[in-house]
Amino acid sequence: YGPHVTNQLIREALTPYPQELVIVTKVGAVR
């Protein structure tokens, strides 16, 4: 997604990540 954009936004917005937060990602495609 972006590529890389959404993951970098998530890192900027939410680190340090809450202990209860589950981040689900996908692989199998590129742009």
PDB file of all heavy atoms in Angstrom:
ATOM      1  N   TYR A   1       0.865  -1.180   0.000  1.00  0.00           N
ATOM      2  CA  TYR A   1       0.000   0.000   0.000  1.00  0.00           C
ATOM      3  C   TYR A   1       0.902   1.231   0.000  1.00  0.00           C
ATOM      4  O   TYR A   1       1.524   1.565   0.992  1.00  0.00           O
ATOM      5  CB  TYR A   1      -0.901   0.022   1.231  1.00  0.00           C
ATOM      6  CG  TYR A   1      -1.943  -1.060   1.303  1.00  0.00           C
ATOM      7  CD1 TYR A   1      -2.582  -1.338   2.517  1.00  0.00           C
ATOM      8  CD2 TYR A   1      -2.305  -1.798   0.189  1.00  0.00           C
ATOM      9  CE1 TYR A   1      -3.556  -2.319   2.606  1.00  0.00           C
ATOM     10  CE2 TYR A   1      -3.273  -2.786   0.269  1.00  0.00           C
ATOM     11  CZ  TYR A   1      -3.895  -3.048   1.480  1.00  0.00           C
ATOM     12  OH  TYR A   1      -4.857  -4.029   1.569  1.00  0.00           O
ATOM     13  N   GLY A   2       0.987   1.880  -1.125  1.00  0.00           N
ATOM     14  CA  GLY A   2       1.806   3.079  -1.223  1.00  0.00           C
ATOM     15  C   GLY A   2       2.794   3.046  -2.379  1.00  0.00           C
ATOM     16  O   GLY A   2       2.767   3.916  -3.213  1.00  0.00           O
ATOM     17  N   PRO A   3       3.740   2.114  -2.456  1.00  0.00           N
ATOM     18  CA  PRO A   3       4.109   1.118  -1.450  1.00  0.00           C
ATOM     19  C   PRO A   3       4.819   1.758  -0.262  1.00  0.00           C
ATOM     20  O   PRO A   3       5.311   2.890  -0.369  1.00  0.00           O
ATOM     21  CB  PRO A   3       5.047   0.190  -2.220  1.00  0.00           C
ATOM     22  CG  PRO A   3       5.664   1.065  -3.266  1.00  0.00           C
ATOM     23  CD  PRO A   3       4.602   2.061  -3.657  1.00  0.00           C
ATOM     24  N   HIS A   4       4.836   1.046   0.836  1.00  0.00           N
ATOM     25  CA  HIS A   4       5.524   1.406   2.082  1.00  0.00           C
ATOM     26  C   HIS A   4       4.812   2.507   2.873  1.00  0.00           C
ATOM     27  O   HIS A   4       5.065   2.661   4.073  1.00  0.00           O
ATOM     28  CB  HIS A   4       6.977   1.850   1.827  1.00  0.00           C
ATOM     29  CG  HIS A   4       7.721   1.011   0.832  1.00  0.00           C
ATOM     30  ND1 HIS A   4       7.791  -0.371   0.927  1.00  0.00           N
ATOM     31  CD2 HIS A   4       8.421   1.349  -0.281  1.00  0.00           C
ATOM     32  CE1 HIS A   4       8.514  -0.835  -0.080  1.00  0.00           C
ATOM     33  NE2 HIS A   4       8.907   0.185  -0.833  1.00  0.00           N
ATOM     34  N   VAL A   5       3.927   3.263   2.212  1.00  0.00           N
ATOM     35  CA  VAL A   5       3.361   4.463   2.827  1.00  0.00           C
ATOM     36  C   VAL A   5       2.568   4.147   4.089  1.00  0.00           C
ATOM     37  O   VAL A   5       2.791   4.751   5.149  1.00  0.00           O
ATOM     38  CB  VAL A   5       2.475   5.222   1.812  1.00  0.00           C
ATOM     39  CG1 VAL A   5       1.679   6.323   2.514  1.00  0.00           C
ATOM     40  CG2 VAL A   5       3.328   5.803   0.700  1.00  0.00           C
ATOM     41  N   THR A   6       1.621   3.214   3.986  1.00  0.00           N
ATOM     42  CA  THR A   6       0.752   2.998   5.152  1.00  0.00           C
ATOM     43  C   THR A   6       1.531   2.428   6.330  1.00  0.00           C
ATOM     44  O   THR A   6       1.288   2.815   7.485  1.00  0.00           O
ATOM     45  CB  THR A   6      -0.436   2.082   4.818  1.00  0.00           C
ATOM     46  OG1 THR A   6       0.040   0.785   4.428  1.00  0.00           O
ATOM     47  CG2 THR A   6      -1.276   2.659   3.705  1.00  0.00           C
ATOM     48  N   ASN A   7       2.466   1.530   6.082  1.00  0.00           N
ATOM     49  CA  ASN A   7       3.259   0.988   7.179  1.00  0.00           C
ATOM     50  C   ASN A   7       4.093   2.068   7.856  1.00  0.00           C
ATOM     51  O   ASN A   7       4.229   2.097   9.089  1.00  0.00           O
ATOM     52  CB  ASN A   7       4.164  -0.138   6.690  1.00  0.00           C
ATOM     53  CG  ASN A   7       3.422  -1.454   6.531  1.00  0.00           C
ATOM     54  OD1 ASN A   7       2.255  -1.567   6.898  1.00  0.00           O
ATOM     55  ND2 ASN A   7       4.091  -2.448   5.995  1.00  0.00           N
ATOM     56  N   GLN A   8       4.641   2.973   7.075  1.00  0.00           N
ATOM     57  CA  GLN A   8       5.432   4.052   7.656  1.00  0.00           C
ATOM     58  C   GLN A   8       4.554   5.014   8.445  1.00  0.00           C
ATOM     59  O   GLN A   8       4.964   5.525   9.502  1.00  0.00           O
ATOM     60  CB  GLN A   8       6.205   4.774   6.555  1.00  0.00           C
ATOM     61  CG  GLN A   8       7.300   3.911   5.933  1.00  0.00           C
ATOM     62  CD  GLN A   8       7.916   4.521   4.686  1.00  0.00           C
ATOM     63  OE1 GLN A   8       7.507   5.593   4.221  1.00  0.00           O
ATOM     64  NE2 GLN A   8       8.910   3.842   4.120  1.00  0.00           N
ATOM     65  N   LEU A   9       3.334   5.246   7.973  1.00  0.00           N
ATOM     66  CA  LEU A   9       2.394   6.091   8.725  1.00  0.00           C
ATOM     67  C   LEU A   9       2.009   5.433  10.042  1.00  0.00           C
ATOM     68  O   LEU A   9       1.925   6.094  11.091  1.00  0.00           O
ATOM     69  CB  LEU A   9       1.142   6.348   7.886  1.00  0.00           C
ATOM     70  CG  LEU A   9       1.278   7.318   6.717  1.00  0.00           C
ATOM     71  CD1 LEU A   9       0.037   7.244   5.831  1.00  0.00           C
ATOM     72  CD2 LEU A   9       1.487   8.747   7.220  1.00  0.00           C
ATOM     73  N   ILE A  10       1.749   4.127   9.989  1.00  0.00           N
ATOM     74  CA  ILE A  10       1.398   3.397  11.214  1.00  0.00           C
ATOM     75  C   ILE A  10       2.534   3.496  12.227  1.00  0.00           C
ATOM     76  O   ILE A  10       2.306   3.754  13.418  1.00  0.00           O
ATOM     77  CB  ILE A  10       1.081   1.924  10.875  1.00  0.00           C
ATOM     78  CG1 ILE A  10      -0.250   1.839  10.117  1.00  0.00           C
ATOM     79  CG2 ILE A  10       1.017   1.082  12.145  1.00  0.00           C
ATOM     80  CD1 ILE A  10      -0.516   0.475   9.502  1.00  0.00           C
ATOM     81  N   ARG A  11       3.750   3.324  11.752  1.00  0.00           N
ATOM     82  CA  ARG A  11       4.903   3.418  12.659  1.00  0.00           C
ATOM     83  C   ARG A  11       5.003   4.808  13.269  1.00  0.00           C
ATOM     84  O   ARG A  11       5.210   4.961  14.481  1.00  0.00           O
ATOM     85  CB  ARG A  11       6.179   3.072  11.897  1.00  0.00           C
ATOM     86  CG  ARG A  11       7.444   3.147  12.746  1.00  0.00           C
ATOM     87  CD  ARG A  11       8.662   2.735  11.934  1.00  0.00           C
ATOM     88  NE  ARG A  11       9.874   2.710  12.756  1.00  0.00           N
ATOM     89  CZ  ARG A  11      11.054   2.300  12.338  1.00  0.00           C
ATOM     90  NH1 ARG A  11      11.184   1.862  11.076  1.00  0.00           N
ATOM     91  NH2 ARG A  11      12.104   2.309  13.133  1.00  0.00           N
ATOM     92  N   GLU A  12       4.851   5.844  12.441  1.00  0.00           N
ATOM     93  CA  GLU A  12       4.957   7.212  12.944  1.00  0.00           C
ATOM     94  C   GLU A  12       3.857   7.532  13.950  1.00  0.00           C
ATOM     95  O   GLU A  12       4.105   8.168  14.981  1.00  0.00           O
ATOM     96  CB  GLU A  12       4.889   8.197  11.777  1.00  0.00           C
ATOM     97  CG  GLU A  12       4.943   9.662  12.205  1.00  0.00           C
ATOM     98  CD  GLU A  12       4.856  10.626  11.032  1.00  0.00           C
ATOM     99  OE1 GLU A  12       5.076  10.200   9.880  1.00  0.00           O
ATOM    100  OE2 GLU A  12       4.561  11.814  11.268  1.00  0.00           O
ATOM    101  N   ALA A  13       2.637   7.074  13.662  1.00  0.00           N
ATOM    102  CA  ALA A  13       1.495   7.439  14.487  1.00  0.00           C
ATOM    103  C   ALA A  13       1.411   6.672  15.788  1.00  0.00           C
ATOM    104  O   ALA A  13       0.954   7.206  16.811  1.00  0.00           O
ATOM    105  CB  ALA A  13       0.199   7.243  13.694  1.00  0.00           C
ATOM    106  N   LEU A  14       1.840   5.413  15.787  1.00  0.00           N
ATOM    107  CA  LEU A  14       1.463   4.528  16.888  1.00  0.00           C
ATOM    108  C   LEU A  14       2.612   3.946  17.701  1.00  0.00           C
ATOM    109  O   LEU A  14       2.364   3.268  18.693  1.00  0.00           O
ATOM    110  CB  LEU A  14       0.585   3.394  16.351  1.00  0.00           C
ATOM    111  CG  LEU A  14      -0.714   3.830  15.675  1.00  0.00           C
ATOM    112  CD1 LEU A  14      -1.463   2.619  15.144  1.00  0.00           C
ATOM    113  CD2 LEU A  14      -1.583   4.627  16.629  1.00  0.00           C
ATOM    114  N   THR A  15       3.851   4.168  17.298  1.00  0.00           N
ATOM    115  CA  THR A  15       4.943   3.655  18.135  1.00  0.00           C
ATOM    116  C   THR A  15       5.188   4.601  19.309  1.00  0.00           C
ATOM    117  O   THR A  15       5.109   5.828  19.134  1.00  0.00           O
ATOM    118  CB  THR A  15       6.245   3.479  17.333  1.00  0.00           C
ATOM    119  OG1 THR A  15       6.552   4.708  16.654  1.00  0.00           O
ATOM    120  CG2 THR A  15       6.133   2.358  16.337  1.00  0.00           C
ATOM    121  N   PRO A  16       5.500   4.031  20.476  1.00  0.00           N
ATOM    122  CA  PRO A  16       5.537   2.591  20.782  1.00  0.00           C
ATOM    123  C   PRO A  16       4.137   1.994  20.719  1.00  0.00           C
ATOM    124  O   PRO A  16       3.181   2.575  21.233  1.00  0.00           O
ATOM    125  CB  PRO A  16       6.103   2.542  22.200  1.00  0.00           C
ATOM    126  CG  PRO A  16       5.723   3.868  22.805  1.00  0.00           C
ATOM    127  CD  PRO A  16       5.790   4.853  21.674  1.00  0.00           C
ATOM    128  N   TYR A  17       4.015   0.835  20.079  1.00  0.00           N
ATOM    129  CA  TYR A  17       2.715   0.238  19.843  1.00  0.00           C
ATOM    130  C   TYR A  17       2.066  -0.218  21.154  1.00  0.00           C
ATOM    131  O   TYR A  17       2.731  -0.790  22.014  1.00  0.00           O
ATOM    132  CB  TYR A  17       2.846  -0.974  18.921  1.00  0.00           C
ATOM    133  CG  TYR A  17       3.306  -0.631  17.519  1.00  0.00           C
ATOM    134  CD1 TYR A  17       4.527  -1.094  17.033  1.00  0.00           C
ATOM    135  CD2 TYR A  17       2.528   0.153  16.683  1.00  0.00           C
ATOM    136  CE1 TYR A  17       4.958  -0.793  15.751  1.00  0.00           C
ATOM    137  CE2 TYR A  17       2.950   0.467  15.399  1.00  0.00           C
ATOM    138  CZ  TYR A  17       4.163  -0.006  14.937  1.00  0.00           C
ATOM    139  OH  TYR A  17       4.590   0.317  13.668  1.00  0.00           O
ATOM    140  N   PRO A  18       0.738   0.038  21.297  1.00  0.00           N
ATOM    141  CA  PRO A  18       0.034  -0.500  22.460  1.00  0.00           C
ATOM    142  C   PRO A  18       0.161  -2.020  22.513  1.00  0.00           C
ATOM    143  O   PRO A  18       0.149  -2.691  21.473  1.00  0.00           O
ATOM    144  CB  PRO A  18      -1.421  -0.077  22.211  1.00  0.00           C
ATOM    145  CG  PRO A  18      -1.335   1.085  21.275  1.00  0.00           C
ATOM    146  CD  PRO A  18      -0.141   0.818  20.418  1.00  0.00           C
ATOM    147  N   GLN A  19       0.281  -2.559  23.695  1.00  0.00           N
ATOM    148  CA  GLN A  19       0.501  -3.992  23.845  1.00  0.00           C
ATOM    149  C   GLN A  19      -0.609  -4.812  23.220  1.00  0.00           C
ATOM    150  O   GLN A  19      -0.379  -5.897  22.679  1.00  0.00           O
ATOM    151  CB  GLN A  19       0.645  -4.344  25.334  1.00  0.00           C
ATOM    152  CG  GLN A  19       0.980  -5.806  25.594  1.00  0.00           C
ATOM    153  CD  GLN A  19       1.221  -6.079  27.070  1.00  0.00           C
ATOM    154  OE1 GLN A  19       1.178  -5.175  27.897  1.00  0.00           O
ATOM    155  NE2 GLN A  19       1.475  -7.338  27.407  1.00  0.00           N
ATOM    156  N   GLU A  20      -1.845  -4.294  23.289  1.00  0.00           N
ATOM    157  CA  GLU A  20      -2.990  -5.059  22.800  1.00  0.00           C
ATOM    158  C   GLU A  20      -3.207  -4.912  21.294  1.00  0.00           C
ATOM    159  O   GLU A  20      -4.054  -5.598  20.714  1.00  0.00           O
ATOM    160  CB  GLU A  20      -4.261  -4.618  23.522  1.00  0.00           C
ATOM    161  CG  GLU A  20      -4.727  -3.192  23.223  1.00  0.00           C
ATOM    162  CD  GLU A  20      -4.026  -2.111  24.043  1.00  0.00           C
ATOM    163  OE1 GLU A  20      -3.053  -2.453  24.764  1.00  0.00           O
ATOM    164  OE2 GLU A  20      -4.455  -0.945  23.959  1.00  0.00           O
ATOM    165  N   LEU A  21      -2.456  -4.047  20.625  1.00  0.00           N
ATOM    166  CA  LEU A  21      -2.674  -3.795  19.205  1.00  0.00           C
ATOM    167  C   LEU A  21      -2.120  -4.926  18.356  1.00  0.00           C
ATOM    168  O   LEU A  21      -0.956  -5.315  18.488  1.00  0.00           O
ATOM    169  CB  LEU A  21      -2.014  -2.480  18.791  1.00  0.00           C
ATOM    170  CG  LEU A  21      -2.182  -2.086  17.316  1.00  0.00           C
ATOM    171  CD1 LEU A  21      -3.646  -1.843  16.981  1.00  0.00           C
ATOM    172  CD2 LEU A  21      -1.338  -0.856  17.001  1.00  0.00           C
ATOM    173  N   VAL A  22      -2.955  -5.450  17.450  1.00  0.00           N
ATOM    174  CA  VAL A  22      -2.551  -6.482  16.497  1.00  0.00           C
ATOM    175  C   VAL A  22      -2.488  -5.841  15.110  1.00  0.00           C
ATOM    176  O   VAL A  22      -3.487  -5.295  14.634  1.00  0.00           O
ATOM    177  CB  VAL A  22      -3.542  -7.660  16.484  1.00  0.00           C
ATOM    178  CG1 VAL A  22      -3.168  -8.672  15.404  1.00  0.00           C
ATOM    179  CG2 VAL A  22      -3.590  -8.328  17.854  1.00  0.00           C
ATOM    180  N   ILE A  23      -1.337  -5.886  14.493  1.00  0.00           N
ATOM    181  CA  ILE A  23      -1.173  -5.364  13.133  1.00  0.00           C
ATOM    182  C   ILE A  23      -1.080  -6.550  12.182  1.00  0.00           C
ATOM    183  O   ILE A  23      -0.194  -7.387  12.304  1.00  0.00           O
ATOM    184  CB  ILE A  23       0.068  -4.474  13.019  1.00  0.00           C
ATOM    185  CG1 ILE A  23      -0.071  -3.263  13.946  1.00  0.00           C
ATOM    186  CG2 ILE A  23       0.261  -4.015  11.573  1.00  0.00           C
ATOM    187  CD1 ILE A  23       1.148  -2.355  13.964  1.00  0.00           C
ATOM    188  N   VAL A  24      -2.019  -6.601  11.258  1.00  0.00           N
ATOM    189  CA  VAL A  24      -2.088  -7.693  10.291  1.00  0.00           C
ATOM    190  C   VAL A  24      -1.645  -7.157   8.934  1.00  0.00           C
ATOM    191  O   VAL A  24      -2.205  -6.186   8.433  1.00  0.00           O
ATOM    192  CB  VAL A  24      -3.525  -8.250  10.186  1.00  0.00           C
ATOM    193  CG1 VAL A  24      -3.573  -9.411   9.203  1.00  0.00           C
ATOM    194  CG2 VAL A  24      -4.034  -8.683  11.557  1.00  0.00           C
ATOM    195  N   THR A  25      -0.638  -7.774   8.356  1.00  0.00           N
ATOM    196  CA  THR A  25      -0.160  -7.335   7.054  1.00  0.00           C
ATOM    197  C   THR A  25      -0.308  -8.460   6.037  1.00  0.00           C
ATOM    198  O   THR A  25      -0.665  -9.586   6.380  1.00  0.00           O
ATOM    199  CB  THR A  25       1.291  -6.843   7.146  1.00  0.00           C
ATOM    200  OG1 THR A  25       1.636  -6.180   5.915  1.00  0.00           O
ATOM    201  CG2 THR A  25       2.259  -7.976   7.408  1.00  0.00           C
ATOM    202  N   LYS A  26      -0.053  -8.136   4.776  1.00  0.00           N
ATOM    203  CA  LYS A  26      -0.208  -9.100   3.686  1.00  0.00           C
ATOM    204  C   LYS A  26       1.051  -9.133   2.847  1.00  0.00           C
ATOM    205  O   LYS A  26       1.717  -8.110   2.678  1.00  0.00           O
ATOM    206  CB  LYS A  26      -1.393  -8.706   2.793  1.00  0.00           C
ATOM    207  CG  LYS A  26      -2.739  -8.908   3.411  1.00  0.00           C
ATOM    208  CD  LYS A  26      -3.853  -8.437   2.492  1.00  0.00           C
ATOM    209  CE  LYS A  26      -3.884  -6.929   2.341  1.00  0.00           C
ATOM    210  NZ  LYS A  26      -4.152  -6.226   3.616  1.00  0.00           N
ATOM    211  N   VAL A  27       1.333 -10.296   2.285  1.00  0.00           N
ATOM    212  CA  VAL A  27       2.412 -10.437   1.306  1.00  0.00           C
ATOM    213  C   VAL A  27       1.864 -11.238   0.130  1.00  0.00           C
ATOM    214  O   VAL A  27       0.841 -11.905   0.226  1.00  0.00           O
ATOM    215  CB  VAL A  27       3.641 -11.139   1.910  1.00  0.00           C
ATOM    216  CG1 VAL A  27       4.277 -10.293   2.998  1.00  0.00           C
ATOM    217  CG2 VAL A  27       3.280 -12.528   2.446  1.00  0.00           C
ATOM    218  N   GLY A  28       2.582 -11.141  -0.994  1.00  0.00           N
ATOM    219  CA  GLY A  28       2.155 -11.847  -2.195  1.00  0.00           C
ATOM    220  C   GLY A  28       1.983 -10.934  -3.387  1.00  0.00           C
ATOM    221  O   GLY A  28       1.623 -11.374  -4.476  1.00  0.00           O
ATOM    222  N   ALA A  29       2.255  -9.631  -3.180  1.00  0.00           N
ATOM    223  CA  ALA A  29       2.140  -8.663  -4.272  1.00  0.00           C
ATOM    224  C   ALA A  29       3.143  -7.549  -4.058  1.00  0.00           C
ATOM    225  O   ALA A  29       3.612  -7.299  -2.941  1.00  0.00           O
ATOM    226  CB  ALA A  29       0.731  -8.093  -4.347  1.00  0.00           C
ATOM    227  N   VAL A  30       3.490  -6.864  -5.150  1.00  0.00           N
ATOM    228  CA  VAL A  30       4.327  -5.667  -5.106  1.00  0.00           C
ATOM    229  C   VAL A  30       3.743  -4.671  -6.108  1.00  0.00           C
ATOM    230  O   VAL A  30       2.816  -4.997  -6.855  1.00  0.00           O
ATOM    231  CB  VAL A  30       5.800  -5.975  -5.452  1.00  0.00           C
ATOM    232  CG1 VAL A  30       6.437  -6.845  -4.379  1.00  0.00           C
ATOM    233  CG2 VAL A  30       5.918  -6.626  -6.829  1.00  0.00           C
ATOM    234  N   ARG A  31       4.293  -3.459  -6.118  1.00  0.00           N
ATOM    235  CA  ARG A  31       3.855  -2.435  -7.069  1.00  0.00           C
ATOM    236  C   ARG A  31       5.008  -2.082  -7.992  1.00  0.00           C
ATOM    237  O   ARG A  31       6.168  -2.060  -7.578  1.00  0.00           O
ATOM    238  CB  ARG A  31       3.411  -1.171  -6.314  1.00  0.00           C
ATOM    239  CG  ARG A  31       2.426  -1.436  -5.181  1.00  0.00           C
ATOM    240  CD  ARG A  31       1.087  -1.933  -5.679  1.00  0.00           C
ATOM    241  NE  ARG A  31       0.345  -0.897  -6.354  1.00  0.00           N
ATOM    242  CZ  ARG A  31      -0.343   0.052  -5.712  1.00  0.00           C
ATOM    243  NH1 ARG A  31      -0.371   0.085  -4.391  1.00  0.00           N
ATOM    244  NH2 ARG A  31      -1.029   0.960  -6.394  1.00  0.00           N
TER     245      ARG A  31
END
